[in-house]
Amino acid sequence: ITTNENIKALYFYQKNKYRITDVIFDAVTEARKIKPSIPEMGENGIAIRDEIVLTKYL
């Protein structure tokens, strides 16, 4: 699992044959209610909102 703004992780996983298998919309938005220290924006200026599930099929 990675977050929607983590472009480096998304690149790494997809380059290594992982597939996006689910998107948990607003997962980080909900997690921020429990842990308000989670930043609103990533280093690249993209809002952090969703979690992306990636799976590697063997």
N, C-alpha and C. Protein backbone atom coordinates (compact mmCIF):
# COMPACT_ATOMS: atom_id res chain seq x y z
N ILE A 1 0.86 -1.18 0.00
CA ILE A 1 0.00 0.00 0.00
C ILE A 1 0.89 1.23 0.00
N THR A 2 0.51 2.21 -0.81
CA THR A 2 1.17 3.51 -0.79
C THR A 2 0.10 4.58 -0.92
N THR A 3 0.50 5.80 -0.79
CA THR A 3 -0.46 6.89 -0.91
C THR A 3 -0.45 7.46 -2.32
N ASN A 4 -1.52 8.14 -2.65
CA ASN A 4 -1.72 8.60 -4.02
C ASN A 4 -0.64 9.56 -4.52
N GLU A 5 0.01 10.29 -3.63
CA GLU A 5 0.99 11.28 -4.07
C GLU A 5 2.40 10.74 -4.14
N ASN A 6 2.61 9.50 -3.72
CA ASN A 6 3.96 8.93 -3.63
C ASN A 6 4.40 8.40 -5.00
N ILE A 7 4.78 9.32 -5.85
CA ILE A 7 5.11 8.99 -7.24
C ILE A 7 6.30 8.04 -7.33
N LYS A 8 7.30 8.24 -6.47
CA LYS A 8 8.48 7.36 -6.50
C LYS A 8 8.09 5.92 -6.18
N ALA A 9 7.24 5.73 -5.18
CA ALA A 9 6.81 4.37 -4.81
C ALA A 9 5.96 3.77 -5.93
N LEU A 10 5.05 4.55 -6.49
CA LEU A 10 4.21 4.04 -7.58
C LEU A 10 5.07 3.63 -8.77
N TYR A 11 6.07 4.43 -9.08
CA TYR A 11 7.00 4.08 -10.16
C TYR A 11 7.71 2.77 -9.85
N PHE A 12 8.26 2.66 -8.63
CA PHE A 12 8.99 1.46 -8.23
C PHE A 12 8.13 0.22 -8.34
N TYR A 13 6.93 0.26 -7.75
CA TYR A 13 6.06 -0.92 -7.75
C TYR A 13 5.67 -1.32 -9.17
N GLN A 14 5.27 -0.36 -9.98
CA GLN A 14 4.82 -0.70 -11.33
C GLN A 14 5.99 -1.16 -12.20
N LYS A 15 7.15 -0.59 -11.99
CA LYS A 15 8.34 -1.02 -12.73
C LYS A 15 8.68 -2.48 -12.38
N ASN A 16 8.34 -2.90 -11.17
CA ASN A 16 8.61 -4.26 -10.70
C ASN A 16 7.40 -5.17 -10.82
N LYS A 17 6.52 -4.84 -11.75
CA LYS A 17 5.40 -5.68 -12.16
C LYS A 17 4.28 -5.82 -11.13
N TYR A 18 4.18 -4.85 -10.23
CA TYR A 18 3.01 -4.80 -9.34
C TYR A 18 1.88 -4.15 -10.11
N ARG A 19 0.66 -4.54 -9.79
CA ARG A 19 -0.53 -3.98 -10.43
C ARG A 19 -1.37 -3.27 -9.38
N ILE A 20 -1.98 -2.17 -9.76
CA ILE A 20 -2.92 -1.50 -8.87
C ILE A 20 -4.16 -2.37 -8.80
N THR A 21 -4.50 -2.81 -7.59
CA THR A 21 -5.65 -3.71 -7.43
C THR A 21 -6.78 -3.09 -6.64
N ASP A 22 -6.51 -1.97 -5.98
CA ASP A 22 -7.58 -1.30 -5.24
C ASP A 22 -7.14 0.12 -4.93
N VAL A 23 -8.11 0.98 -4.81
CA VAL A 23 -7.88 2.34 -4.33
C VAL A 23 -8.84 2.56 -3.18
N ILE A 24 -8.29 2.93 -2.04
CA ILE A 24 -9.11 3.21 -0.87
C ILE A 24 -9.25 4.73 -0.80
N PHE A 25 -10.34 5.22 -1.36
CA PHE A 25 -10.56 6.65 -1.45
C PHE A 25 -10.72 7.25 -0.05
N ASP A 26 -10.08 8.39 0.16
CA ASP A 26 -10.14 9.15 1.42
C ASP A 26 -9.59 8.41 2.63
N ALA A 27 -8.80 7.36 2.44
CA ALA A 27 -8.23 6.62 3.57
C ALA A 27 -7.33 7.50 4.42
N VAL A 28 -6.52 8.31 3.78
CA VAL A 28 -5.60 9.17 4.54
C VAL A 28 -6.38 10.32 5.18
N THR A 29 -7.38 10.80 4.50
CA THR A 29 -8.24 11.84 5.08
C THR A 29 -8.84 11.34 6.39
N GLU A 30 -9.31 10.10 6.39
CA GLU A 30 -9.88 9.50 7.61
C GLU A 30 -8.80 9.26 8.66
N ALA A 31 -7.64 8.78 8.25
CA ALA A 31 -6.54 8.52 9.19
C ALA A 31 -6.08 9.81 9.86
N ARG A 32 -6.18 10.91 9.15
CA ARG A 32 -5.77 12.21 9.69
C ARG A 32 -6.63 12.62 10.88
N LYS A 33 -7.86 12.10 10.96
CA LYS A 33 -8.73 12.40 12.11
C LYS A 33 -8.15 11.78 13.38
N ILE A 34 -7.47 10.64 13.24
CA ILE A 34 -6.84 9.96 14.37
C ILE A 34 -5.43 10.51 14.61
N LYS A 35 -4.73 10.79 13.52
CA LYS A 35 -3.35 11.28 13.61
C LYS A 35 -3.23 12.57 12.79
N PRO A 36 -3.58 13.70 13.41
CA PRO A 36 -3.59 14.97 12.68
C PRO A 36 -2.23 15.42 12.14
N SER A 37 -1.15 14.79 12.59
CA SER A 37 0.18 15.19 12.12
C SER A 37 0.48 14.72 10.69
N ILE A 38 -0.38 13.88 10.12
CA ILE A 38 -0.19 13.46 8.72
C ILE A 38 -0.35 14.70 7.85
N PRO A 39 0.65 15.00 7.02
CA PRO A 39 0.57 16.23 6.22
C PRO A 39 -0.56 16.19 5.19
N GLU A 40 -1.03 17.37 4.84
CA GLU A 40 -2.07 17.52 3.82
C GLU A 40 -1.51 17.34 2.41
N MET A 41 -0.26 17.78 2.22
CA MET A 41 0.37 17.77 0.90
C MET A 41 1.68 17.01 0.94
N GLY A 42 1.98 16.33 -0.18
CA GLY A 42 3.25 15.64 -0.31
C GLY A 42 4.33 16.61 -0.75
N GLU A 43 5.56 16.13 -0.82
CA GLU A 43 6.70 16.96 -1.22
C GLU A 43 6.53 17.54 -2.62
N ASN A 44 5.77 16.84 -3.45
CA ASN A 44 5.60 17.24 -4.85
C ASN A 44 4.40 18.15 -5.06
N GLY A 45 3.71 18.55 -3.98
CA GLY A 45 2.58 19.46 -4.09
C GLY A 45 1.25 18.77 -4.39
N ILE A 46 1.21 17.45 -4.35
CA ILE A 46 -0.02 16.70 -4.58
C ILE A 46 -0.66 16.42 -3.22
N ALA A 47 -1.97 16.65 -3.12
CA ALA A 47 -2.70 16.39 -1.88
C ALA A 47 -2.66 14.90 -1.54
N ILE A 48 -2.42 14.59 -0.27
CA ILE A 48 -2.39 13.20 0.20
C ILE A 48 -3.78 12.85 0.69
N ARG A 49 -4.48 11.96 -0.04
CA ARG A 49 -5.86 11.62 0.31
C ARG A 49 -6.14 10.13 0.33
N ASP A 50 -5.66 9.41 -0.67
CA ASP A 50 -6.07 8.02 -0.89
C ASP A 50 -4.91 7.06 -0.67
N GLU A 51 -5.26 5.80 -0.43
CA GLU A 51 -4.27 4.73 -0.39
C GLU A 51 -4.45 3.88 -1.64
N ILE A 52 -3.34 3.48 -2.23
CA ILE A 52 -3.36 2.65 -3.42
C ILE A 52 -2.76 1.29 -3.06
N VAL A 53 -3.51 0.24 -3.33
CA VAL A 53 -3.08 -1.12 -3.04
C VAL A 53 -2.49 -1.70 -4.32
N LEU A 54 -1.28 -2.22 -4.22
CA LEU A 54 -0.62 -2.84 -5.37
C LEU A 54 -0.32 -4.29 -5.04
N THR A 55 -0.47 -5.15 -6.03
CA THR A 55 -0.28 -6.59 -5.84
C THR A 55 0.64 -7.11 -6.93
N LYS A 56 1.53 -8.01 -6.55
CA LYS A 56 2.38 -8.67 -7.54
C LYS A 56 1.91 -10.11 -7.67
N TYR A 57 1.48 -10.46 -8.86
CA TYR A 57 1.03 -11.83 -9.12
C TYR A 57 2.22 -12.65 -9.59
N LEU A 58 2.38 -13.81 -9.00
CA LEU A 58 3.52 -14.67 -9.36
C LEU A 58 3.14 -15.69 -10.40
